[in-house]
Amino acid sequence: MKRRDIMRLAAFAAVLAATTALLPGKDAIAQDKKWRIGFSQATTIEPWRAQFNKDIIAEAAKHPEVELIITDGEDKTEKQVADVENLIRQEVNALLISPKESAGLTGVVQQAIDAKIPVFVLDRNVETDQYTQFVGGDNKLIGRAAGEYAVELLGGKGKAHGNVVEIWGGMGTQPAHDRHDGFHEFTDKEPGIKNLLDQQSGDWKQDQAYNIMATALRNNEKIDLVYGHNDPMAYGAYLAAKDAGREKDIKFIGIDALPGEGVTWVNNGELTATFLYATPGAEGLRQAIKFLNGEKVEKTVTLDTMKVTKENAGQIMKEKGL
């Protein structure tokens, strides 16, 4: 549990470091900025989200013509709705948004669209297709890759056998459903694979996943594989198994592959594999600038993924200077 607390403190420190660079002072808005672009972030308490912000800030630094305004929804739908309403009142030239959950943010996204503001939806979709562009990974494809690898780990196609714990992300988000559906396209074809839990949501949080896994361990004598919808949840499950003295009997698969998190945990032998889910911030900002400059943009930009295992984790860390 102490290790988990340390990880959470480290993530919080990273968020604080990123946040200090997010917004200019009220009197510091440059008069020579050509474009004012608003970015509504769902939360900054998750390390992947903190990296998301760092990436978009780094990209904005390459574009002196852009004033980037970043808001933090603080993991609350109502706060993010208010943030977007404020950006609409500021008459931003473009709106980038990564919704906390799909349904709850659709209405305010439609308000921005109705106000003739180009909207770029990042990572999680909304329940309208009238936005300018969606930028993000293909969560169903990533789920399929994770499911295919899980079948391999449990004995191979037609022979796979084992008990699986799946820890969902937020139930109200499309990525969680896509990661589930893609995974089960492979595992449901294997009669020897048993799913032990029914839609247990860790809300993308390491501590909640720890608690879910601790309960699963108490209730099940045999668990062969854990599939977490992101790396912090997979790692939280690993810590619960380690505290129970059962981590060596279980394979752990996650998604995100941040170098300082999932890739490191794979390299340490704590996670078995992680799948890259690149942050869409930098690409989303590039696409918005391209659009504002009169260039054509595609309706959807899909970011690439890759599998990270012990075989390539060390090289990735070396390339990132870790």
Protein backbone atom coordinates (compact mmCIF):
# COMPACT_ATOMS: atom_id res chain seq x y z
CA MET A 1 0.00 0.00 0.00
CA LYS A 2 2.92 2.34 0.69
CA ARG A 3 4.20 1.89 -2.85
CA ARG A 4 0.79 2.81 -4.20
CA ASP A 5 0.73 5.98 -2.11
CA ILE A 6 4.17 6.94 -3.39
CA MET A 7 2.99 6.47 -6.98
CA ARG A 8 -0.03 8.66 -6.38
CA LEU A 9 2.12 11.40 -4.80
CA ALA A 10 4.52 11.26 -7.74
CA ALA A 11 1.62 11.59 -10.18
CA PHE A 12 0.26 14.53 -8.22
CA ALA A 13 3.65 16.25 -8.28
CA ALA A 14 3.85 15.75 -12.04
CA VAL A 15 0.41 17.32 -12.43
CA LEU A 16 1.43 20.32 -10.35
CA ALA A 17 4.55 20.81 -12.44
CA ALA A 18 2.51 20.67 -15.64
CA THR A 19 -0.28 22.87 -14.34
CA THR A 20 2.03 25.78 -13.51
CA ALA A 21 2.66 26.13 -17.23
CA LEU A 22 -0.91 25.79 -18.38
CA LEU A 23 -2.47 29.21 -18.21
CA PRO A 24 -1.02 32.68 -18.76
CA GLY A 25 -1.73 35.40 -16.24
CA LYS A 26 -4.73 37.58 -16.95
CA ASP A 27 -2.44 40.46 -17.92
CA ALA A 28 -0.02 38.32 -19.93
CA ILE A 29 -2.10 37.60 -23.05
CA ALA A 30 0.06 38.54 -26.00
CA GLN A 31 -1.46 40.97 -28.44
CA ASP A 32 0.20 39.32 -31.45
CA LYS A 33 -1.48 35.93 -31.07
CA LYS A 34 -3.37 34.94 -34.20
CA TRP A 35 -5.43 32.09 -32.76
CA ARG A 36 -6.97 31.57 -29.33
CA ILE A 37 -7.51 27.83 -28.81
CA GLY A 38 -9.27 26.39 -25.79
CA PHE A 39 -8.58 22.92 -24.46
CA SER A 40 -11.00 21.37 -21.96
CA GLN A 41 -9.29 18.54 -20.12
CA ALA A 42 -11.39 16.09 -18.10
CA THR A 43 -8.95 15.77 -15.20
CA THR A 44 -5.27 16.03 -14.35
CA ILE A 45 -5.16 13.57 -11.46
CA GLU A 46 -4.33 10.62 -13.73
CA PRO A 47 -0.70 10.37 -14.92
CA TRP A 48 -1.80 9.74 -18.52
CA ARG A 49 -3.80 12.99 -18.40
CA ALA A 50 -0.82 14.85 -16.94
CA GLN A 51 1.29 13.59 -19.85
CA PHE A 52 -1.52 14.57 -22.22
CA ASN A 53 -1.25 18.17 -20.97
CA LYS A 54 2.54 18.19 -21.15
CA ASP A 55 2.39 17.03 -24.77
CA ILE A 56 -0.10 19.70 -25.86
CA ILE A 57 1.83 22.43 -24.01
CA ALA A 58 5.06 21.34 -25.72
CA GLU A 59 3.35 21.46 -29.11
CA ALA A 60 1.87 24.90 -28.40
CA ALA A 61 5.37 26.20 -27.65
CA LYS A 62 6.24 25.49 -31.29
CA HIS A 63 3.45 27.81 -32.49
CA PRO A 64 3.98 31.41 -31.33
CA GLU A 65 0.81 32.44 -33.17
CA VAL A 66 -1.31 30.36 -30.77
CA GLU A 67 -2.64 31.29 -27.34
CA LEU A 68 -3.59 28.02 -25.64
CA ILE A 69 -6.11 28.14 -22.78
CA ILE A 70 -6.31 24.92 -20.76
CA THR A 71 -9.02 24.13 -18.24
CA ASP A 72 -9.20 21.25 -15.77
CA GLY A 73 -12.56 19.55 -15.24
CA GLU A 74 -11.28 18.11 -11.95
CA ASP A 75 -12.81 14.73 -12.78
CA LYS A 76 -16.33 16.22 -12.54
CA THR A 77 -18.72 16.37 -15.50
CA GLU A 78 -20.48 19.49 -14.21
CA LYS A 79 -17.15 21.31 -13.79
CA GLN A 80 -16.08 20.42 -17.33
CA VAL A 81 -19.42 21.60 -18.72
CA ALA A 82 -18.91 24.95 -16.98
CA ASP A 83 -15.35 25.14 -18.36
CA VAL A 84 -16.56 24.66 -21.93
CA GLU A 85 -19.35 27.21 -21.47
CA ASN A 86 -16.70 29.69 -20.32
CA LEU A 87 -14.52 28.97 -23.35
CA ILE A 88 -17.55 29.53 -25.61
CA ARG A 89 -18.13 32.91 -23.93
CA GLN A 90 -14.48 33.76 -24.59
CA GLU A 91 -15.15 33.12 -28.29
CA VAL A 92 -12.16 30.86 -28.79
CA ASN A 93 -11.22 30.21 -32.41
CA ALA A 94 -11.26 26.45 -31.83
CA LEU A 95 -12.21 24.11 -29.01
CA LEU A 96 -10.35 20.93 -28.14
CA ILE A 97 -12.08 18.70 -25.61
CA SER A 98 -11.34 15.37 -23.97
CA PRO A 99 -14.64 14.52 -22.24
CA LYS A 100 -14.84 12.91 -18.82
CA GLU A 101 -17.81 10.93 -20.13
CA SER A 102 -19.61 10.92 -23.44
CA ALA A 103 -23.27 11.66 -22.71
CA GLY A 104 -22.71 14.37 -20.11
CA LEU A 105 -20.53 16.51 -22.38
CA THR A 106 -22.51 16.11 -25.61
CA GLY A 107 -24.88 19.02 -24.88
CA VAL A 108 -22.18 21.60 -24.27
CA VAL A 109 -20.16 20.36 -27.25
CA GLN A 110 -23.28 20.96 -29.35
CA GLN A 111 -23.48 24.49 -27.90
CA ALA A 112 -19.96 25.14 -29.17
CA ILE A 113 -20.83 23.72 -32.58
CA ASP A 114 -23.96 25.89 -32.72
CA ALA A 115 -21.75 28.90 -31.88
CA LYS A 116 -19.74 28.11 -35.05
CA ILE A 117 -16.65 27.09 -33.06
CA PRO A 118 -14.68 24.23 -34.68
CA VAL A 119 -14.62 21.37 -32.17
CA PHE A 120 -11.87 18.75 -31.99
CA VAL A 121 -12.79 15.80 -29.78
CA LEU A 122 -9.79 14.03 -28.26
CA ASP A 123 -9.56 10.51 -26.81
CA ARG A 124 -13.19 10.01 -25.74
CA ASN A 125 -16.04 10.63 -28.13
CA VAL A 126 -19.36 12.40 -27.63
CA GLU A 127 -22.85 11.47 -28.82
CA THR A 128 -22.88 13.65 -31.92
CA ASP A 129 -20.93 13.53 -35.15
CA GLN A 130 -21.18 17.24 -35.92
CA TYR A 131 -17.72 18.02 -34.50
CA THR A 132 -14.91 18.95 -36.87
CA GLN A 133 -12.63 16.03 -36.04
CA PHE A 134 -11.95 13.18 -33.63
CA VAL A 135 -8.32 12.41 -32.70
CA GLY A 136 -7.43 9.35 -30.64
CA GLY A 137 -6.46 5.73 -30.54
CA ASP A 138 -8.65 2.91 -31.77
CA ASN A 139 -9.73 1.48 -28.44
CA LYS A 140 -11.47 -1.52 -29.94
CA LEU A 141 -8.33 -2.38 -31.92
CA ILE A 142 -6.23 -2.08 -28.76
CA GLY A 143 -8.74 -4.26 -26.91
CA ARG A 144 -8.47 -6.88 -29.66
CA ALA A 145 -4.68 -6.86 -29.41
CA ALA A 146 -4.92 -7.33 -25.64
CA GLY A 147 -7.48 -10.13 -26.04
CA GLU A 148 -5.40 -11.92 -28.64
CA TYR A 149 -2.35 -11.76 -26.38
CA ALA A 150 -4.38 -12.94 -23.38
CA VAL A 151 -5.45 -16.01 -25.35
CA GLU A 152 -1.81 -16.64 -26.23
CA LEU A 153 -0.72 -16.34 -22.59
CA LEU A 154 -3.44 -18.75 -21.46
CA GLY A 155 -2.48 -21.52 -23.86
CA GLY A 156 -3.21 -20.39 -27.38
CA LYS A 157 -6.13 -20.38 -29.78
CA GLY A 158 -8.46 -23.31 -29.21
CA LYS A 159 -6.53 -24.39 -26.09
CA ALA A 160 -6.68 -21.34 -23.84
CA HIS A 161 -7.79 -22.05 -20.28
CA GLY A 162 -7.91 -19.86 -17.19
CA ASN A 163 -9.73 -17.46 -14.90
CA VAL A 164 -9.69 -13.79 -15.92
CA VAL A 165 -10.32 -10.62 -13.91
CA GLU A 166 -11.22 -7.60 -16.02
CA ILE A 167 -11.13 -4.17 -14.38
CA TRP A 168 -13.08 -1.60 -16.35
CA GLY A 169 -12.35 2.10 -16.75
CA GLY A 170 -15.25 4.53 -16.39
CA MET A 171 -18.52 2.83 -17.32
CA GLY A 172 -19.81 6.03 -18.91
CA THR A 173 -16.91 6.32 -21.36
CA GLN A 174 -16.78 4.82 -24.83
CA PRO A 175 -13.09 3.80 -24.54
CA ALA A 176 -13.91 1.46 -21.66
CA HIS A 177 -16.67 -0.23 -23.67
CA ASP A 178 -14.46 -0.47 -26.75
CA ARG A 179 -11.54 -1.94 -24.78
CA HIS A 180 -13.94 -4.48 -23.30
CA ASP A 181 -15.62 -5.38 -26.59
CA GLY A 182 -12.34 -5.75 -28.49
CA PHE A 183 -10.85 -7.96 -25.76
CA HIS A 184 -13.87 -10.25 -25.70
CA GLU A 185 -13.87 -10.71 -29.47
CA PHE A 186 -10.97 -13.08 -28.79
CA THR A 187 -11.49 -14.39 -25.26
CA ASP A 188 -15.18 -15.23 -25.70
CA LYS A 189 -14.26 -17.69 -28.44
CA GLU A 190 -12.35 -19.77 -25.88
CA PRO A 191 -14.64 -22.01 -23.81
CA GLY A 192 -11.79 -22.61 -21.35
CA ILE A 193 -11.61 -18.95 -20.33
CA LYS A 194 -13.83 -17.94 -17.42
CA ASN A 195 -14.56 -14.30 -16.57
CA LEU A 196 -14.74 -13.89 -12.80
CA LEU A 197 -16.18 -10.36 -12.53
CA ASP A 198 -19.18 -8.62 -14.08
CA GLN A 199 -18.37 -5.04 -15.12
CA GLN A 200 -16.33 -3.96 -12.10
CA SER A 201 -15.26 -0.35 -12.70
CA GLY A 202 -12.06 1.04 -11.24
CA ASP A 203 -12.79 4.43 -12.85
CA TRP A 204 -9.23 4.42 -14.30
CA LYS A 205 -7.82 4.70 -10.74
CA GLN A 206 -5.04 2.57 -9.25
CA ASP A 207 -6.45 2.57 -5.71
CA GLN A 208 -9.92 1.49 -6.83
CA ALA A 209 -8.42 -1.33 -8.89
CA TYR A 210 -6.43 -2.44 -5.84
CA ASN A 211 -9.65 -2.78 -3.87
CA ILE A 212 -11.43 -4.66 -6.66
CA MET A 213 -8.54 -7.07 -6.99
CA ALA A 214 -8.23 -7.56 -3.23
CA THR A 215 -11.87 -8.66 -3.14
CA ALA A 216 -11.42 -10.90 -6.19
CA LEU A 217 -8.45 -12.58 -4.53
CA ARG A 218 -10.44 -13.29 -1.38
CA ASN A 219 -13.31 -14.77 -3.40
CA ASN A 220 -11.32 -16.82 -5.92
CA GLU A 221 -8.61 -19.35 -5.17
CA LYS A 222 -7.32 -19.26 -8.74
CA ILE A 223 -6.81 -16.19 -10.91
CA ASP A 224 -4.67 -16.58 -14.01
CA LEU A 225 -4.81 -13.21 -15.74
CA VAL A 226 -5.84 -9.62 -15.04
CA TYR A 227 -6.84 -7.23 -17.81
CA GLY A 228 -6.91 -3.60 -16.67
CA HIS A 229 -8.31 -0.99 -19.03
CA ASN A 230 -5.28 1.14 -18.21
CA ASP A 231 -1.85 0.55 -16.67
CA PRO A 232 -2.49 2.15 -13.26
CA MET A 233 -5.41 -0.23 -12.70
CA ALA A 234 -3.39 -3.23 -13.86
CA TYR A 235 -0.61 -2.15 -11.51
CA GLY A 236 -3.05 -1.63 -8.65
CA ALA A 237 -4.23 -5.21 -9.19
CA TYR A 238 -0.60 -6.36 -9.19
CA LEU A 239 0.02 -4.62 -5.84
CA ALA A 240 -3.05 -6.30 -4.35
CA ALA A 241 -1.84 -9.68 -5.57
CA LYS A 242 1.63 -9.00 -4.21
CA ASP A 243 0.24 -8.08 -0.81
CA ALA A 244 -1.63 -11.42 -0.90
CA GLY A 245 1.52 -13.30 -1.96
CA ARG A 246 -0.04 -14.40 -5.26
CA GLU A 247 1.47 -12.07 -7.86
CA LYS A 248 3.79 -14.71 -9.35
CA ASP A 249 0.83 -16.89 -10.35
CA ILE A 250 -0.96 -14.17 -12.36
CA LYS A 251 -0.34 -12.38 -15.66
CA PHE A 252 -1.16 -8.65 -15.74
CA ILE A 253 -2.05 -6.74 -18.92
CA GLY A 254 -2.64 -2.99 -19.11
CA ILE A 255 -3.04 -0.17 -21.63
CA ASP A 256 -1.31 3.23 -22.04
CA ALA A 257 2.43 2.42 -22.08
CA LEU A 258 3.68 5.65 -20.56
CA PRO A 259 7.47 5.24 -20.27
CA GLY A 260 7.51 6.12 -16.56
CA GLU A 261 4.57 3.86 -15.75
CA GLY A 262 3.44 0.90 -17.85
CA VAL A 263 6.71 0.45 -19.73
CA THR A 264 8.68 0.64 -16.48
CA TRP A 265 6.36 -1.84 -14.76
CA VAL A 266 6.72 -4.25 -17.66
CA ASN A 267 10.50 -3.87 -17.59
CA ASN A 268 10.43 -4.59 -13.85
CA GLY A 269 8.42 -7.76 -14.42
CA GLU A 270 5.39 -6.41 -12.57
CA LEU A 271 3.12 -6.18 -15.62
CA THR A 272 3.31 -8.81 -18.34
CA ALA A 273 2.45 -6.41 -21.16
CA THR A 274 1.03 -3.01 -21.94
CA PHE A 275 -0.36 -1.59 -25.17
CA LEU A 276 0.46 1.91 -26.33
CA TYR A 277 -2.38 4.42 -26.16
CA ALA A 278 -0.70 7.62 -27.28
CA THR A 279 -1.95 10.92 -25.90
CA PRO A 280 -3.73 12.91 -28.66
CA GLY A 281 -2.91 16.40 -27.42
CA ALA A 282 -0.05 17.33 -29.75
CA GLU A 283 -1.74 15.90 -32.84
CA GLY A 284 -5.07 17.48 -31.90
CA LEU A 285 -3.48 20.92 -31.63
CA ARG A 286 -1.65 20.46 -34.94
CA GLN A 287 -4.90 19.50 -36.63
CA ALA A 288 -6.75 22.51 -35.16
CA ILE A 289 -4.07 24.91 -36.38
CA LYS A 290 -4.14 23.27 -39.80
CA PHE A 291 -7.91 23.75 -39.96
CA LEU A 292 -7.75 27.37 -38.79
CA ASN A 293 -5.20 28.07 -41.52
CA GLY A 294 -7.73 26.95 -44.13
CA GLU A 295 -6.43 23.45 -44.76
CA LYS A 296 -8.65 20.39 -45.04
CA VAL A 297 -8.66 17.91 -42.14
CA GLU A 298 -9.98 14.37 -41.99
CA LYS A 299 -13.03 13.53 -39.86
CA THR A 300 -11.01 11.01 -37.84
CA VAL A 301 -7.30 10.74 -37.05
CA THR A 302 -6.37 7.39 -35.51
CA LEU A 303 -3.15 7.12 -33.52
CA ASP A 304 -0.99 3.99 -33.78
CA THR A 305 -0.55 1.38 -31.04
CA MET A 306 2.08 -1.23 -30.19
CA LYS A 307 2.57 -4.08 -27.73
CA VAL A 308 5.19 -3.60 -25.04
CA THR A 309 6.60 -6.71 -23.35
CA LYS A 310 9.79 -7.52 -21.47
CA GLU A 311 11.53 -7.96 -24.84
CA ASN A 312 11.20 -4.31 -25.93
CA ALA A 313 10.44 -2.37 -22.72
CA GLY A 314 14.10 -1.80 -21.88
CA GLN A 315 14.85 -0.36 -25.31
CA ILE A 316 11.87 2.00 -25.09
CA MET A 317 13.03 3.23 -21.70
CA LYS A 318 16.54 3.76 -23.03
CA GLU A 319 15.18 5.81 -25.93
CA LYS A 320 13.22 7.95 -23.46
CA GLY A 321 16.29 8.47 -21.28
CA LEU A 322 14.97 6.43 -18.35
